[in-house]
Amino acid sequence: MKQKKQVDDGKITVERNSKGEVMMPRYNCVTTHTARRSGITNMYLTHKYTILQMMHVSGHKTQKTFMDYIKLSSDEIADEIDAITNQTRVDVF
């Protein structure tokens, strides 16, 4: 939303395609918040840490907020279900 306000205020100019969609390199879309979400998700996928330990590192106070940060693809969710079903991993949270 910051970028939209800056565009509306005339502080920055963005390139748009024929549909009016903003065109920019992906690396311009990455923020520290993106890195935080990725880091939390990657820690979760290692299955080496408890949720409480990861919450302590990330600074989250509630499990609900913390869980909103974990972004899993459909394939990752399917792999988790498969691992539980086949008991290939015993450290299920």
C-alpha atoms as a PDB file:
ATOM      1  CA  MET A   1       0.000   0.000   0.000  1.00  0.00           C
ATOM      2  CA  LYS A   2       2.950   2.336   0.552  1.00  0.00           C
ATOM      3  CA  GLN A   3       3.816   2.174  -3.136  1.00  0.00           C
ATOM      4  CA  LYS A   4       0.241   2.978  -4.201  1.00  0.00           C
ATOM      5  CA  LYS A   5       0.217   6.050  -1.959  1.00  0.00           C
ATOM      6  CA  GLN A   6       3.580   7.161  -3.358  1.00  0.00           C
ATOM      7  CA  VAL A   7       2.253   6.773  -6.912  1.00  0.00           C
ATOM      8  CA  ASP A   8      -0.945   8.646  -6.033  1.00  0.00           C
ATOM      9  CA  ASP A   9       1.106  11.440  -4.447  1.00  0.00           C
ATOM     10  CA  GLY A  10       3.302  11.644  -7.563  1.00  0.00           C
ATOM     11  CA  LYS A  11       6.442  10.743  -5.605  1.00  0.00           C
ATOM     12  CA  ILE A  12       7.247   7.724  -7.784  1.00  0.00           C
ATOM     13  CA  THR A  13       6.369   6.619 -11.295  1.00  0.00           C
ATOM     14  CA  VAL A  14       5.677   3.021 -12.233  1.00  0.00           C
ATOM     15  CA  GLU A  15       5.568   1.294 -15.595  1.00  0.00           C
ATOM     16  CA  ARG A  16       2.242  -0.292 -16.536  1.00  0.00           C
ATOM     17  CA  ASN A  17       1.291  -2.837 -19.186  1.00  0.00           C
ATOM     18  CA  SER A  18      -1.671  -2.510 -21.579  1.00  0.00           C
ATOM     19  CA  LYS A  19      -4.049  -3.817 -18.870  1.00  0.00           C
ATOM     20  CA  GLY A  20      -2.896  -1.163 -16.414  1.00  0.00           C
ATOM     21  CA  GLU A  21      -1.023  -3.644 -14.230  1.00  0.00           C
ATOM     22  CA  VAL A  22       2.211  -2.453 -12.620  1.00  0.00           C
ATOM     23  CA  MET A  23       5.313  -3.955 -14.231  1.00  0.00           C
ATOM     24  CA  MET A  24       8.457  -4.274 -12.133  1.00  0.00           C
ATOM     25  CA  PRO A  25      11.251  -6.784 -11.513  1.00  0.00           C
ATOM     26  CA  ARG A  26      10.477  -9.345  -8.817  1.00  0.00           C
ATOM     27  CA  TYR A  27      13.459  -8.255  -6.738  1.00  0.00           C
ATOM     28  CA  ASN A  28      11.794  -4.872  -6.255  1.00  0.00           C
ATOM     29  CA  CYS A  29       8.863  -6.638  -4.588  1.00  0.00           C
ATOM     30  CA  VAL A  30      10.981  -8.364  -1.926  1.00  0.00           C
ATOM     31  CA  THR A  31      11.026  -6.734   1.490  1.00  0.00           C
ATOM     32  CA  THR A  32      12.372  -7.602   4.932  1.00  0.00           C
ATOM     33  CA  HIS A  33       8.860  -8.876   5.694  1.00  0.00           C
ATOM     34  CA  THR A  34       9.138 -11.301   2.757  1.00  0.00           C
ATOM     35  CA  ALA A  35      12.406 -12.579   4.206  1.00  0.00           C
ATOM     36  CA  ARG A  36      10.803 -12.971   7.633  1.00  0.00           C
ATOM     37  CA  ARG A  37       7.969 -15.089   6.219  1.00  0.00           C
ATOM     38  CA  SER A  38      10.390 -17.203   4.172  1.00  0.00           C
ATOM     39  CA  GLY A  39      12.693 -17.718   7.146  1.00  0.00           C
ATOM     40  CA  ILE A  40       9.856 -18.852   9.386  1.00  0.00           C
ATOM     41  CA  THR A  41       8.494 -21.202   6.734  1.00  0.00           C
ATOM     42  CA  ASN A  42      11.949 -22.677   6.079  1.00  0.00           C
ATOM     43  CA  MET A  43      12.549 -23.213   9.824  1.00  0.00           C
ATOM     44  CA  TYR A  44       9.180 -24.948  10.076  1.00  0.00           C
ATOM     45  CA  LEU A  45       9.965 -27.243   7.140  1.00  0.00           C
ATOM     46  CA  THR A  46      13.193 -28.486   8.771  1.00  0.00           C
ATOM     47  CA  HIS A  47      11.130 -30.034  11.601  1.00  0.00           C
ATOM     48  CA  LYS A  48      14.090 -29.390  13.922  1.00  0.00           C
ATOM     49  CA  TYR A  49      12.427 -26.823  16.170  1.00  0.00           C
ATOM     50  CA  THR A  50       9.258 -26.613  18.190  1.00  0.00           C
ATOM     51  CA  ILE A  51       6.725 -23.923  17.398  1.00  0.00           C
ATOM     52  CA  LEU A  52       7.557 -22.267  20.724  1.00  0.00           C
ATOM     53  CA  GLN A  53      11.250 -22.086  19.781  1.00  0.00           C
ATOM     54  CA  MET A  54      10.455 -20.615  16.372  1.00  0.00           C
ATOM     55  CA  MET A  55       8.049 -18.096  17.926  1.00  0.00           C
ATOM     56  CA  HIS A  56      10.798 -16.976  20.267  1.00  0.00           C
ATOM     57  CA  VAL A  57      13.177 -16.380  17.352  1.00  0.00           C
ATOM     58  CA  SER A  58      10.551 -14.621  15.226  1.00  0.00           C
ATOM     59  CA  GLY A  59       9.177 -12.515  18.080  1.00  0.00           C
ATOM     60  CA  HIS A  60       5.575 -13.684  17.730  1.00  0.00           C
ATOM     61  CA  LYS A  61       3.520 -13.618  20.910  1.00  0.00           C
ATOM     62  CA  THR A  62       0.614 -15.825  19.791  1.00  0.00           C
ATOM     63  CA  GLN A  63       0.596 -19.115  17.950  1.00  0.00           C
ATOM     64  CA  LYS A  64      -2.251 -17.953  15.714  1.00  0.00           C
ATOM     65  CA  THR A  65      -0.245 -14.999  14.398  1.00  0.00           C
ATOM     66  CA  PHE A  66       2.824 -17.185  14.012  1.00  0.00           C
ATOM     67  CA  MET A  67       0.940 -19.811  12.001  1.00  0.00           C
ATOM     68  CA  ASP A  68      -0.277 -17.104   9.604  1.00  0.00           C
ATOM     69  CA  TYR A  69       3.365 -16.598   8.621  1.00  0.00           C
ATOM     70  CA  ILE A  70       3.914 -20.194   7.540  1.00  0.00           C
ATOM     71  CA  LYS A  71       3.149 -20.397   3.837  1.00  0.00           C
ATOM     72  CA  LEU A  72       3.102 -23.933   2.473  1.00  0.00           C
ATOM     73  CA  SER A  73       2.419 -24.942  -1.105  1.00  0.00           C
ATOM     74  CA  SER A  74      -0.083 -27.692  -1.884  1.00  0.00           C
ATOM     75  CA  ASP A  75       2.835 -30.035  -2.610  1.00  0.00           C
ATOM     76  CA  GLU A  76       4.425 -29.283   0.773  1.00  0.00           C
ATOM     77  CA  ILE A  77       1.140 -29.951   2.541  1.00  0.00           C
ATOM     78  CA  ALA A  78       0.745 -33.217   0.611  1.00  0.00           C
ATOM     79  CA  ASP A  79       4.301 -34.231   1.604  1.00  0.00           C
ATOM     80  CA  GLU A  80       3.466 -33.513   5.263  1.00  0.00           C
ATOM     81  CA  ILE A  81       0.329 -35.671   5.054  1.00  0.00           C
ATOM     82  CA  ASP A  82       2.277 -38.447   3.316  1.00  0.00           C
ATOM     83  CA  ALA A  83       4.987 -38.376   5.974  1.00  0.00           C
ATOM     84  CA  ILE A  84       2.407 -38.612   8.762  1.00  0.00           C
ATOM     85  CA  THR A  85       0.489 -41.365   6.978  1.00  0.00           C
ATOM     86  CA  ASN A  86       3.611 -43.424   6.322  1.00  0.00           C
ATOM     87  CA  GLN A  87       5.180 -42.464   9.667  1.00  0.00           C
ATOM     88  CA  THR A  88       8.449 -41.542   7.995  1.00  0.00           C
ATOM     89  CA  ARG A  89       8.825 -38.795  10.560  1.00  0.00           C
ATOM     90  CA  VAL A  90       8.093 -39.059  14.256  1.00  0.00           C
ATOM     91  CA  ASP A  91       8.504 -35.403  15.269  1.00  0.00           C
ATOM     92  CA  VAL A  92       5.040 -34.239  14.169  1.00  0.00           C
ATOM     93  CA  PHE A  93       3.993 -30.990  15.839  1.00  0.00           C
END
